[in-house]
């Protein structure tokens, strides 16, 4: 029992004695974890019932019994400083590597780290939610979504600064992997500003089957307004920081188009965006662990905040 609680209990005991009420203590078993050695109670002589004094003692409390709540850090540096300020030998750091909403969470009052150690509440935490940049969130929002020509043009115009020219190595690498070429920024802008596509169906082949039936395959060709076969690059390169005020990352983006009911739709598909986020979160988790000397885990604590 801490000094403040003991003082409060003594005051309650004096008040109870003055009014003819007996304050007594129940000794708890040694092998029951999480309980104090003695539990005070009031024995009401008139009713012959034992009553808890906890509510009475808590009314006298000037400070909380334990630290609870979650502090929210806005930067990685503040997260590390706050953890360093509050940590105990049992504190741990968890990393949520979900690329859409990554975060770090330090559980200050985590369970005793020794094998079979005592459980703790896990209610005192420090949380850092990685601030995704506006540019990154904008590209994620349209990721895989069909955009009509006008919306595609407006989006490219608004984010033209995010486009990057491919270097020689990137061109060769992606051409080798996917068998299509990588667009330069000016080429992507030209595509977005206006493109008329005509669709033409042709019979590709006719195959006579043993049953006597015929199998006919059709091939759809897309041509530009001048009748030339359409040559659309299959990929372009972004250079954007995934995190606010972070370093830019070069991210390949698949470019596809669809012609439906006379309307042209563009689809931008970021190539493995989860990899870039996860790698950065893991690096920052390792840095936080090294700076604070605490163990780190990829996952989340088992108890709610």
C-alpha atoms as a PDB file:
ATOM      1  CA  UNK A   1       0.000   0.000   0.000  1.00  0.00           C
ATOM      2  CA  UNK A   2       1.507   3.400  -0.975  1.00  0.00           C
ATOM      3  CA  UNK A   3       1.959   6.196   1.559  1.00  0.00           C
ATOM      4  CA  UNK A   4      -0.959   8.254   0.308  1.00  0.00           C
ATOM      5  CA  UNK A   5      -3.318   5.277   0.425  1.00  0.00           C
ATOM      6  CA  UNK A   6      -2.106   4.369   3.907  1.00  0.00           C
ATOM      7  CA  UNK A   7      -2.715   7.922   5.130  1.00  0.00           C
ATOM      8  CA  UNK A   8      -6.197   7.920   3.641  1.00  0.00           C
ATOM      9  CA  UNK A   9      -7.005   4.522   5.165  1.00  0.00           C
ATOM     10  CA  UNK A  10      -5.833   5.696   8.571  1.00  0.00           C
ATOM     11  CA  UNK A  11      -8.022   8.783   8.304  1.00  0.00           C
ATOM     12  CA  UNK A  12     -11.001   6.622   7.377  1.00  0.00           C
ATOM     13  CA  UNK A  13     -10.170   4.301  10.274  1.00  0.00           C
ATOM     14  CA  UNK A  14     -10.155   7.197  12.739  1.00  0.00           C
ATOM     15  CA  UNK A  15     -13.464   8.478  11.406  1.00  0.00           C
ATOM     16  CA  UNK A  16     -14.984   5.012  11.525  1.00  0.00           C
ATOM     17  CA  UNK A  17     -13.804   4.417  15.102  1.00  0.00           C
ATOM     18  CA  UNK A  18     -15.257   7.741  16.201  1.00  0.00           C
ATOM     19  CA  UNK A  19     -18.659   6.638  14.884  1.00  0.00           C
ATOM     20  CA  UNK A  20     -18.474   3.161  16.394  1.00  0.00           C
ATOM     21  CA  UNK A  21     -17.607   1.436  13.108  1.00  0.00           C
ATOM     22  CA  UNK A  22     -14.742  -1.043  13.050  1.00  0.00           C
ATOM     23  CA  UNK A  23     -12.063  -0.956  10.338  1.00  0.00           C
ATOM     24  CA  UNK A  24     -10.298  -4.255   9.798  1.00  0.00           C
ATOM     25  CA  UNK A  25      -7.933  -5.849   7.272  1.00  0.00           C
ATOM     26  CA  UNK A  26      -8.257  -9.028   5.260  1.00  0.00           C
ATOM     27  CA  UNK A  27      -4.959 -10.784   4.601  1.00  0.00           C
ATOM     28  CA  UNK A  28      -4.767 -12.055   1.033  1.00  0.00           C
ATOM     29  CA  UNK A  29      -3.041 -15.295  -0.038  1.00  0.00           C
ATOM     30  CA  UNK A  30       0.560 -14.912  -1.137  1.00  0.00           C
ATOM     31  CA  UNK A  31       0.032 -16.901  -4.333  1.00  0.00           C
ATOM     32  CA  UNK A  32      -2.675 -14.614  -5.745  1.00  0.00           C
ATOM     33  CA  UNK A  33      -1.037 -12.128  -8.179  1.00  0.00           C
ATOM     34  CA  UNK A  34      -2.199  -8.543  -8.520  1.00  0.00           C
ATOM     35  CA  UNK A  35      -3.618  -8.151  -4.989  1.00  0.00           C
ATOM     36  CA  UNK A  36      -2.183  -6.120  -2.093  1.00  0.00           C
ATOM     37  CA  UNK A  37      -1.032  -8.057   0.967  1.00  0.00           C
ATOM     38  CA  UNK A  38      -3.954  -6.632   2.982  1.00  0.00           C
ATOM     39  CA  UNK A  39      -7.380  -5.406   1.922  1.00  0.00           C
ATOM     40  CA  UNK A  40      -9.097  -2.952   4.303  1.00  0.00           C
ATOM     41  CA  UNK A  41     -12.831  -3.199   4.972  1.00  0.00           C
ATOM     42  CA  UNK A  42     -15.414  -1.683   7.293  1.00  0.00           C
ATOM     43  CA  UNK A  43     -17.535  -3.888   9.494  1.00  0.00           C
ATOM     44  CA  UNK A  44     -20.889  -2.253  10.096  1.00  0.00           C
ATOM     45  CA  UNK A  45     -22.033  -3.430  13.566  1.00  0.00           C
ATOM     46  CA  UNK A  46     -25.663  -2.567  12.928  1.00  0.00           C
ATOM     47  CA  UNK A  47     -25.988  -4.426   9.648  1.00  0.00           C
ATOM     48  CA  UNK A  48     -23.252  -6.967  10.372  1.00  0.00           C
ATOM     49  CA  UNK A  49     -21.888  -6.521   6.836  1.00  0.00           C
ATOM     50  CA  UNK A  50     -18.387  -5.872   5.531  1.00  0.00           C
ATOM     51  CA  UNK A  51     -18.038  -2.918   3.167  1.00  0.00           C
ATOM     52  CA  UNK A  52     -15.157  -1.845   0.933  1.00  0.00           C
ATOM     53  CA  UNK A  53     -13.355   1.363   1.762  1.00  0.00           C
ATOM     54  CA  UNK A  54     -11.899   1.815  -1.719  1.00  0.00           C
ATOM     55  CA  UNK A  55     -14.390   4.454  -2.822  1.00  0.00           C
ATOM     56  CA  UNK A  56     -13.788   6.400   0.393  1.00  0.00           C
ATOM     57  CA  UNK A  57     -10.026   6.191  -0.016  1.00  0.00           C
ATOM     58  CA  UNK A  58     -10.175   7.210  -3.691  1.00  0.00           C
ATOM     59  CA  UNK A  59     -12.034  10.384  -2.703  1.00  0.00           C
ATOM     60  CA  UNK A  60      -8.918  11.396  -0.768  1.00  0.00           C
ATOM     61  CA  UNK A  61      -6.545  10.697  -3.667  1.00  0.00           C
ATOM     62  CA  UNK A  62      -4.602  13.694  -4.981  1.00  0.00           C
ATOM     63  CA  UNK A  63      -2.959  11.835  -7.886  1.00  0.00           C
ATOM     64  CA  UNK A  64      -4.024   8.807  -9.976  1.00  0.00           C
ATOM     65  CA  UNK A  65      -3.171   5.340  -8.729  1.00  0.00           C
ATOM     66  CA  UNK A  66      -1.315   4.562 -11.975  1.00  0.00           C
ATOM     67  CA  UNK A  67      -0.517   6.155 -15.329  1.00  0.00           C
ATOM     68  CA  UNK A  68      -3.160   5.541 -18.001  1.00  0.00           C
ATOM     69  CA  UNK A  69      -4.035   6.954 -21.405  1.00  0.00           C
ATOM     70  CA  UNK A  70      -2.294   7.322 -24.743  1.00  0.00           C
ATOM     71  CA  UNK A  71       0.042  10.187 -25.609  1.00  0.00           C
ATOM     72  CA  UNK A  72       0.124  10.989 -29.336  1.00  0.00           C
ATOM     73  CA  UNK A  73       3.468  12.030 -30.784  1.00  0.00           C
ATOM     74  CA  UNK A  74       3.527  14.002 -34.056  1.00  0.00           C
ATOM     75  CA  UNK A  75       7.123  13.190 -34.982  1.00  0.00           C
ATOM     76  CA  UNK A  76       9.354  10.165 -34.607  1.00  0.00           C
ATOM     77  CA  UNK A  77      11.755  12.210 -32.490  1.00  0.00           C
ATOM     78  CA  UNK A  78       8.984  13.185 -30.064  1.00  0.00           C
ATOM     79  CA  UNK A  79       7.879   9.550 -29.884  1.00  0.00           C
ATOM     80  CA  UNK A  80      11.386   8.452 -28.923  1.00  0.00           C
ATOM     81  CA  UNK A  81      11.746  11.273 -26.354  1.00  0.00           C
ATOM     82  CA  UNK A  82       8.408  10.461 -24.700  1.00  0.00           C
ATOM     83  CA  UNK A  83       9.199   6.751 -24.536  1.00  0.00           C
ATOM     84  CA  UNK A  84      12.578   7.550 -23.014  1.00  0.00           C
ATOM     85  CA  UNK A  85      10.859   9.735 -20.400  1.00  0.00           C
ATOM     86  CA  UNK A  86       8.330   7.116 -19.253  1.00  0.00           C
ATOM     87  CA  UNK A  87       9.828   3.707 -20.047  1.00  0.00           C
ATOM     88  CA  UNK A  88      10.374   0.952 -17.502  1.00  0.00           C
ATOM     89  CA  UNK A  89      12.423  -2.199 -17.811  1.00  0.00           C
ATOM     90  CA  UNK A  90       9.309  -4.009 -19.060  1.00  0.00           C
ATOM     91  CA  UNK A  91       8.179  -1.498 -21.728  1.00  0.00           C
ATOM     92  CA  UNK A  92       7.988  -2.596 -25.388  1.00  0.00           C
ATOM     93  CA  UNK A  93       7.384  -1.051 -28.831  1.00  0.00           C
ATOM     94  CA  UNK A  94       4.955  -2.439 -31.420  1.00  0.00           C
ATOM     95  CA  UNK A  95       4.982  -1.514 -35.126  1.00  0.00           C
ATOM     96  CA  UNK A  96       1.851  -1.732 -37.273  1.00  0.00           C
ATOM     97  CA  UNK A  97       3.215  -2.159 -40.813  1.00  0.00           C
ATOM     98  CA  UNK A  98      -0.159  -1.777 -42.549  1.00  0.00           C
ATOM     99  CA  UNK A  99       0.940   0.338 -45.524  1.00  0.00           C
ATOM    100  CA  UNK A 100      -2.315   2.294 -45.548  1.00  0.00           C
ATOM    101  CA  UNK A 101      -2.113   3.327 -41.880  1.00  0.00           C
ATOM    102  CA  UNK A 102       1.308   2.559 -40.364  1.00  0.00           C
ATOM    103  CA  UNK A 103       2.126   3.407 -36.742  1.00  0.00           C
ATOM    104  CA  UNK A 104       4.381   2.797 -33.732  1.00  0.00           C
ATOM    105  CA  UNK A 105       2.963   2.170 -30.256  1.00  0.00           C
ATOM    106  CA  UNK A 106       4.948   1.938 -27.042  1.00  0.00           C
ATOM    107  CA  UNK A 107       3.231   0.110 -24.192  1.00  0.00           C
ATOM    108  CA  UNK A 108       4.898   1.498 -21.074  1.00  0.00           C
ATOM    109  CA  UNK A 109       3.235  -0.741 -18.467  1.00  0.00           C
ATOM    110  CA  UNK A 110       3.666  -3.991 -20.390  1.00  0.00           C
ATOM    111  CA  UNK A 111       3.891  -7.408 -18.724  1.00  0.00           C
ATOM    112  CA  UNK A 112       6.914  -8.421 -16.666  1.00  0.00           C
ATOM    113  CA  UNK A 113       9.560  -9.499 -19.165  1.00  0.00           C
ATOM    114  CA  UNK A 114      10.772 -12.452 -17.106  1.00  0.00           C
ATOM    115  CA  UNK A 115       9.432 -15.902 -17.961  1.00  0.00           C
ATOM    116  CA  UNK A 116       6.061 -16.328 -16.300  1.00  0.00           C
ATOM    117  CA  UNK A 117       6.286 -12.779 -14.939  1.00  0.00           C
ATOM    118  CA  UNK A 118       3.396 -10.818 -13.503  1.00  0.00           C
ATOM    119  CA  UNK A 119       0.795  -9.331 -15.836  1.00  0.00           C
ATOM    120  CA  UNK A 120       0.433  -5.581 -16.134  1.00  0.00           C
ATOM    121  CA  UNK A 121      -2.407  -3.355 -17.312  1.00  0.00           C
ATOM    122  CA  UNK A 122      -1.008  -2.108 -20.626  1.00  0.00           C
ATOM    123  CA  UNK A 123      -3.008   1.101 -20.298  1.00  0.00           C
ATOM    124  CA  UNK A 124      -0.181   3.639 -20.507  1.00  0.00           C
ATOM    125  CA  UNK A 125       0.877   4.109 -24.127  1.00  0.00           C
ATOM    126  CA  UNK A 126       2.653   6.410 -26.527  1.00  0.00           C
ATOM    127  CA  UNK A 127       1.439   6.342 -30.122  1.00  0.00           C
ATOM    128  CA  UNK A 128       2.993   7.665 -33.323  1.00  0.00           C
ATOM    129  CA  UNK A 129       0.941   7.510 -36.501  1.00  0.00           C
ATOM    130  CA  UNK A 130       3.150   7.997 -39.531  1.00  0.00           C
ATOM    131  CA  UNK A 131       1.934  11.166 -41.284  1.00  0.00           C
ATOM    132  CA  UNK A 132       1.403  10.203 -44.922  1.00  0.00           C
ATOM    133  CA  UNK A 133       2.131  13.009 -47.373  1.00  0.00           C
ATOM    134  CA  UNK A 134      -0.690  14.623 -49.334  1.00  0.00           C
ATOM    135  CA  UNK A 135       0.878  13.530 -52.622  1.00  0.00           C
ATOM    136  CA  UNK A 136       1.089   9.915 -51.487  1.00  0.00           C
ATOM    137  CA  UNK A 137      -2.521   9.900 -50.252  1.00  0.00           C
ATOM    138  CA  UNK A 138      -3.704  11.391 -53.556  1.00  0.00           C
ATOM    139  CA  UNK A 139      -2.071   8.637 -55.629  1.00  0.00           C
ATOM    140  CA  UNK A 140      -3.288   5.950 -53.255  1.00  0.00           C
ATOM    141  CA  UNK A 141      -6.831   7.298 -53.597  1.00  0.00           C
ATOM    142  CA  UNK A 142      -6.884   6.740 -57.379  1.00  0.00           C
ATOM    143  CA  UNK A 143      -4.869   3.522 -57.230  1.00  0.00           C
ATOM    144  CA  UNK A 144      -6.634   1.004 -59.469  1.00  0.00           C
ATOM    145  CA  UNK A 145      -9.654   3.286 -60.037  1.00  0.00           C
ATOM    146  CA  UNK A 146     -10.821   3.917 -63.651  1.00  0.00           C
ATOM    147  CA  UNK A 147     -10.706   7.645 -64.453  1.00  0.00           C
ATOM    148  CA  UNK A 148     -12.471   9.271 -67.385  1.00  0.00           C
ATOM    149  CA  UNK A 149     -10.276  11.335 -69.715  1.00  0.00           C
ATOM    150  CA  UNK A 150     -11.180  14.674 -68.100  1.00  0.00           C
ATOM    151  CA  UNK A 151     -10.590  13.508 -64.524  1.00  0.00           C
ATOM    152  CA  UNK A 152      -7.358  11.820 -65.552  1.00  0.00           C
ATOM    153  CA  UNK A 153      -6.172  15.021 -67.232  1.00  0.00           C
ATOM    154  CA  UNK A 154      -7.060  17.143 -64.207  1.00  0.00           C
ATOM    155  CA  UNK A 155      -5.288  14.760 -61.855  1.00  0.00           C
ATOM    156  CA  UNK A 156      -2.091  14.684 -63.949  1.00  0.00           C
ATOM    157  CA  UNK A 157      -2.111  18.478 -64.216  1.00  0.00           C
ATOM    158  CA  UNK A 158      -2.484  18.828 -60.448  1.00  0.00           C
ATOM    159  CA  UNK A 159       0.331  16.335 -59.748  1.00  0.00           C
ATOM    160  CA  UNK A 160       2.706  16.990 -62.603  1.00  0.00           C
ATOM    161  CA  UNK A 161       5.484  17.728 -60.106  1.00  0.00           C
ATOM    162  CA  UNK A 162       5.257  14.121 -58.876  1.00  0.00           C
ATOM    163  CA  UNK A 163       6.259  12.687 -62.268  1.00  0.00           C
ATOM    164  CA  UNK A 164       9.847  11.632 -62.907  1.00  0.00           C
ATOM    165  CA  UNK A 165      11.808  10.664 -66.002  1.00  0.00           C
ATOM    166  CA  UNK A 166      12.999   7.063 -66.045  1.00  0.00           C
ATOM    167  CA  UNK A 167      16.740   6.500 -66.087  1.00  0.00           C
ATOM    168  CA  UNK A 168      18.371   4.048 -68.487  1.00  0.00           C
ATOM    169  CA  UNK A 169      18.536   1.272 -65.916  1.00  0.00           C
ATOM    170  CA  UNK A 170      14.851   1.637 -65.013  1.00  0.00           C
ATOM    171  CA  UNK A 171      13.816   1.596 -68.667  1.00  0.00           C
ATOM    172  CA  UNK A 172      15.719  -1.603 -69.351  1.00  0.00           C
ATOM    173  CA  UNK A 173      14.649  -3.263 -66.104  1.00  0.00           C
ATOM    174  CA  UNK A 174      10.916  -2.676 -66.511  1.00  0.00           C
ATOM    175  CA  UNK A 175      10.956  -3.435 -70.239  1.00  0.00           C
ATOM    176  CA  UNK A 176      12.615  -6.753 -69.436  1.00  0.00           C
ATOM    177  CA  UNK A 177      10.116  -7.591 -66.656  1.00  0.00           C
ATOM    178  CA  UNK A 178       6.874  -6.494 -68.283  1.00  0.00           C
ATOM    179  CA  UNK A 179       7.710  -6.105 -72.008  1.00  0.00           C
ATOM    180  CA  UNK A 180       6.523  -2.540 -72.284  1.00  0.00           C
ATOM    181  CA  UNK A 181       8.138   0.852 -72.268  1.00  0.00           C
ATOM    182  CA  UNK A 182       8.206   3.525 -69.562  1.00  0.00           C
ATOM    183  CA  UNK A 183       6.691   6.945 -70.271  1.00  0.00           C
ATOM    184  CA  UNK A 184       8.435  10.265 -69.797  1.00  0.00           C
ATOM    185  CA  UNK A 185       6.478  13.016 -67.976  1.00  0.00           C
ATOM    186  CA  UNK A 186       5.774  15.049 -71.133  1.00  0.00           C
ATOM    187  CA  UNK A 187       4.392  11.953 -72.846  1.00  0.00           C
ATOM    188  CA  UNK A 188       2.015  11.248 -69.957  1.00  0.00           C
ATOM    189  CA  UNK A 189       0.827  14.854 -70.001  1.00  0.00           C
ATOM    190  CA  UNK A 190       0.121  14.607 -73.738  1.00  0.00           C
ATOM    191  CA  UNK A 191      -1.895  11.439 -73.207  1.00  0.00           C
ATOM    192  CA  UNK A 192      -3.931  13.070 -70.467  1.00  0.00           C
ATOM    193  CA  UNK A 193      -4.725  16.220 -72.406  1.00  0.00           C
ATOM    194  CA  UNK A 194      -6.462  14.515 -75.284  1.00  0.00           C
ATOM    195  CA  UNK A 195      -6.620  11.204 -77.076  1.00  0.00           C
ATOM    196  CA  UNK A 196      -9.287   9.891 -79.408  1.00  0.00           C
ATOM    197  CA  UNK A 197      -9.431   6.117 -79.744  1.00  0.00           C
ATOM    198  CA  UNK A 198     -11.265   4.057 -82.324  1.00  0.00           C
ATOM    199  CA  UNK A 199     -11.999   0.398 -81.731  1.00  0.00           C
ATOM    200  CA  UNK A 200     -11.999  -2.127 -84.568  1.00  0.00           C
ATOM    201  CA  UNK A 201     -12.955  -5.806 -84.311  1.00  0.00           C
ATOM    202  CA  UNK A 202     -11.243  -8.334 -86.616  1.00  0.00           C
ATOM    203  CA  UNK A 203     -11.540 -12.067 -87.001  1.00  0.00           C
ATOM    204  CA  UNK A 204      -8.234 -13.503 -85.822  1.00  0.00           C
ATOM    205  CA  UNK A 205      -8.638 -17.146 -86.819  1.00  0.00           C
ATOM    206  CA  UNK A 206     -11.157 -19.890 -87.501  1.00  0.00           C
ATOM    207  CA  UNK A 207     -10.494 -23.396 -86.194  1.00  0.00           C
ATOM    208  CA  UNK A 208     -12.416 -26.483 -87.296  1.00  0.00           C
ATOM    209  CA  UNK A 209     -12.925 -28.821 -84.366  1.00  0.00           C
ATOM    210  CA  UNK A 210     -13.363 -32.584 -84.559  1.00  0.00           C
ATOM    211  CA  UNK A 211     -17.032 -32.175 -83.745  1.00  0.00           C
ATOM    212  CA  UNK A 212     -17.541 -30.205 -86.897  1.00  0.00           C
ATOM    213  CA  UNK A 213     -18.192 -26.981 -84.996  1.00  0.00           C
ATOM    214  CA  UNK A 214     -16.192 -23.812 -85.608  1.00  0.00           C
ATOM    215  CA  UNK A 215     -14.326 -21.683 -83.098  1.00  0.00           C
ATOM    216  CA  UNK A 216     -13.975 -18.040 -83.990  1.00  0.00           C
ATOM    217  CA  UNK A 217     -11.666 -15.699 -82.070  1.00  0.00           C
ATOM    218  CA  UNK A 218     -11.922 -11.942 -82.370  1.00  0.00           C
ATOM    219  CA  UNK A 219      -9.120  -9.467 -81.905  1.00  0.00           C
ATOM    220  CA  UNK A 220      -9.833  -5.893 -80.872  1.00  0.00           C
ATOM    221  CA  UNK A 221      -7.497  -3.229 -82.196  1.00  0.00           C
ATOM    222  CA  UNK A 222      -7.375   0.297 -80.817  1.00  0.00           C
ATOM    223  CA  UNK A 223      -6.264   3.056 -83.167  1.00  0.00           C
ATOM    224  CA  UNK A 224      -5.788   6.776 -82.786  1.00  0.00           C
ATOM    225  CA  UNK A 225      -7.823   9.366 -84.656  1.00  0.00           C
ATOM    226  CA  UNK A 226      -5.473   9.123 -87.648  1.00  0.00           C
ATOM    227  CA  UNK A 227      -5.929   5.365 -87.921  1.00  0.00           C
ATOM    228  CA  UNK A 228      -2.491   4.505 -86.566  1.00  0.00           C
ATOM    229  CA  UNK A 229      -2.137   1.619 -84.169  1.00  0.00           C
ATOM    230  CA  UNK A 230      -2.270   2.982 -80.634  1.00  0.00           C
ATOM    231  CA  UNK A 231       1.070   2.988 -78.797  1.00  0.00           C
ATOM    232  CA  UNK A 232       0.487   3.682 -75.106  1.00  0.00           C
ATOM    233  CA  UNK A 233       3.359   3.271 -72.628  1.00  0.00           C
ATOM    234  CA  UNK A 234       2.712   0.661 -69.985  1.00  0.00           C
ATOM    235  CA  UNK A 235       4.329   2.435 -67.046  1.00  0.00           C
ATOM    236  CA  UNK A 236       5.550   5.741 -65.663  1.00  0.00           C
ATOM    237  CA  UNK A 237       7.648   6.740 -62.661  1.00  0.00           C
ATOM    238  CA  UNK A 238       6.591   8.716 -59.586  1.00  0.00           C
ATOM    239  CA  UNK A 239       8.979  10.505 -57.266  1.00  0.00           C
ATOM    240  CA  UNK A 240       7.009  11.297 -54.105  1.00  0.00           C
ATOM    241  CA  UNK A 241       7.695  11.138 -50.361  1.00  0.00           C
ATOM    242  CA  UNK A 242       5.371   8.575 -48.749  1.00  0.00           C
ATOM    243  CA  UNK A 243       5.630  10.461 -45.439  1.00  0.00           C
ATOM    244  CA  UNK A 244       5.195  14.151 -44.633  1.00  0.00           C
ATOM    245  CA  UNK A 245       8.548  15.962 -44.902  1.00  0.00           C
ATOM    246  CA  UNK A 246      10.180  12.646 -45.775  1.00  0.00           C
ATOM    247  CA  UNK A 247      12.541  11.701 -48.579  1.00  0.00           C
ATOM    248  CA  UNK A 248      11.029  11.101 -52.060  1.00  0.00           C
ATOM    249  CA  UNK A 249      10.755   7.511 -53.241  1.00  0.00           C
ATOM    250  CA  UNK A 250      10.722   6.425 -56.896  1.00  0.00           C
ATOM    251  CA  UNK A 251       7.673   4.255 -57.459  1.00  0.00           C
ATOM    252  CA  UNK A 252       6.724   2.561 -60.745  1.00  0.00           C
ATOM    253  CA  UNK A 253       3.078   2.948 -61.793  1.00  0.00           C
ATOM    254  CA  UNK A 254       1.332   0.641 -64.259  1.00  0.00           C
ATOM    255  CA  UNK A 255      -0.717   2.543 -66.845  1.00  0.00           C
ATOM    256  CA  UNK A 256      -3.715   0.895 -68.474  1.00  0.00           C
ATOM    257  CA  UNK A 257      -6.632   2.142 -70.535  1.00  0.00           C
ATOM    258  CA  UNK A 258     -10.109   0.839 -71.276  1.00  0.00           C
ATOM    259  CA  UNK A 259     -12.546   1.806 -74.002  1.00  0.00           C
ATOM    260  CA  UNK A 260     -16.160   1.323 -72.925  1.00  0.00           C
ATOM    261  CA  UNK A 261     -19.292   2.684 -74.624  1.00  0.00           C
ATOM    262  CA  UNK A 262     -17.212   5.170 -76.556  1.00  0.00           C
ATOM    263  CA  UNK A 263     -15.550   6.533 -73.408  1.00  0.00           C
ATOM    264  CA  UNK A 264     -11.867   6.267 -72.600  1.00  0.00           C
ATOM    265  CA  UNK A 265     -10.861   5.320 -69.056  1.00  0.00           C
ATOM    266  CA  UNK A 266      -7.343   5.408 -67.566  1.00  0.00           C
ATOM    267  CA  UNK A 267      -6.165   3.210 -64.687  1.00  0.00           C
ATOM    268  CA  UNK A 268      -3.048   3.913 -62.626  1.00  0.00           C
ATOM    269  CA  UNK A 269      -1.803   0.984 -60.536  1.00  0.00           C
ATOM    270  CA  UNK A 270       1.075   1.631 -58.134  1.00  0.00           C
ATOM    271  CA  UNK A 271       3.541  -1.234 -58.223  1.00  0.00           C
ATOM    272  CA  UNK A 272       4.000  -2.754 -54.739  1.00  0.00           C
ATOM    273  CA  UNK A 273       3.387   0.447 -52.683  1.00  0.00           C
ATOM    274  CA  UNK A 274       3.325  -1.664 -49.513  1.00  0.00           C
ATOM    275  CA  UNK A 275       7.032  -2.442 -49.875  1.00  0.00           C
ATOM    276  CA  UNK A 276       8.094   1.202 -49.660  1.00  0.00           C
ATOM    277  CA  UNK A 277       5.955   1.891 -46.586  1.00  0.00           C
ATOM    278  CA  UNK A 278       6.881  -1.304 -44.747  1.00  0.00           C
ATOM    279  CA  UNK A 279      10.599  -0.797 -45.270  1.00  0.00           C
ATOM    280  CA  UNK A 280      10.432   2.723 -43.817  1.00  0.00           C
ATOM    281  CA  UNK A 281       8.299   1.658 -40.830  1.00  0.00           C
ATOM    282  CA  UNK A 282      10.695  -1.177 -40.020  1.00  0.00           C
ATOM    283  CA  UNK A 283      13.680   1.182 -40.234  1.00  0.00           C
ATOM    284  CA  UNK A 284      12.014   3.670 -37.868  1.00  0.00           C
ATOM    285  CA  UNK A 285      10.959   0.865 -35.511  1.00  0.00           C
ATOM    286  CA  UNK A 286      14.552  -0.324 -35.334  1.00  0.00           C
ATOM    287  CA  UNK A 287      15.755   3.230 -34.710  1.00  0.00           C
ATOM    288  CA  UNK A 288      13.234   3.733 -31.878  1.00  0.00           C
ATOM    289  CA  UNK A 289      14.278   0.419 -30.345  1.00  0.00           C
ATOM    290  CA  UNK A 290      17.971   1.281 -30.562  1.00  0.00           C
ATOM    291  CA  UNK A 291      17.519   4.799 -29.127  1.00  0.00           C
ATOM    292  CA  UNK A 292      15.356   3.649 -26.200  1.00  0.00           C
ATOM    293  CA  UNK A 293      16.918   0.251 -25.576  1.00  0.00           C
ATOM    294  CA  UNK A 294      13.497  -1.436 -25.722  1.00  0.00           C
ATOM    295  CA  UNK A 295      12.474  -4.630 -27.551  1.00  0.00           C
ATOM    296  CA  UNK A 296      10.446  -4.133 -30.734  1.00  0.00           C
ATOM    297  CA  UNK A 297       7.758  -6.274 -32.361  1.00  0.00           C
ATOM    298  CA  UNK A 298       5.825  -6.115 -35.619  1.00  0.00           C
ATOM    299  CA  UNK A 299       2.196  -6.435 -34.571  1.00  0.00           C
ATOM    300  CA  UNK A 300      -0.079  -5.074 -31.853  1.00  0.00           C
ATOM    301  CA  UNK A 301      -0.502  -5.607 -28.075  1.00  0.00           C
ATOM    302  CA  UNK A 302      -2.985  -8.219 -26.910  1.00  0.00           C
ATOM    303  CA  UNK A 303      -4.890  -5.931 -24.537  1.00  0.00           C
ATOM    304  CA  UNK A 304      -6.982  -2.899 -25.568  1.00  0.00           C
ATOM    305  CA  UNK A 305      -5.781   0.567 -24.697  1.00  0.00           C
END
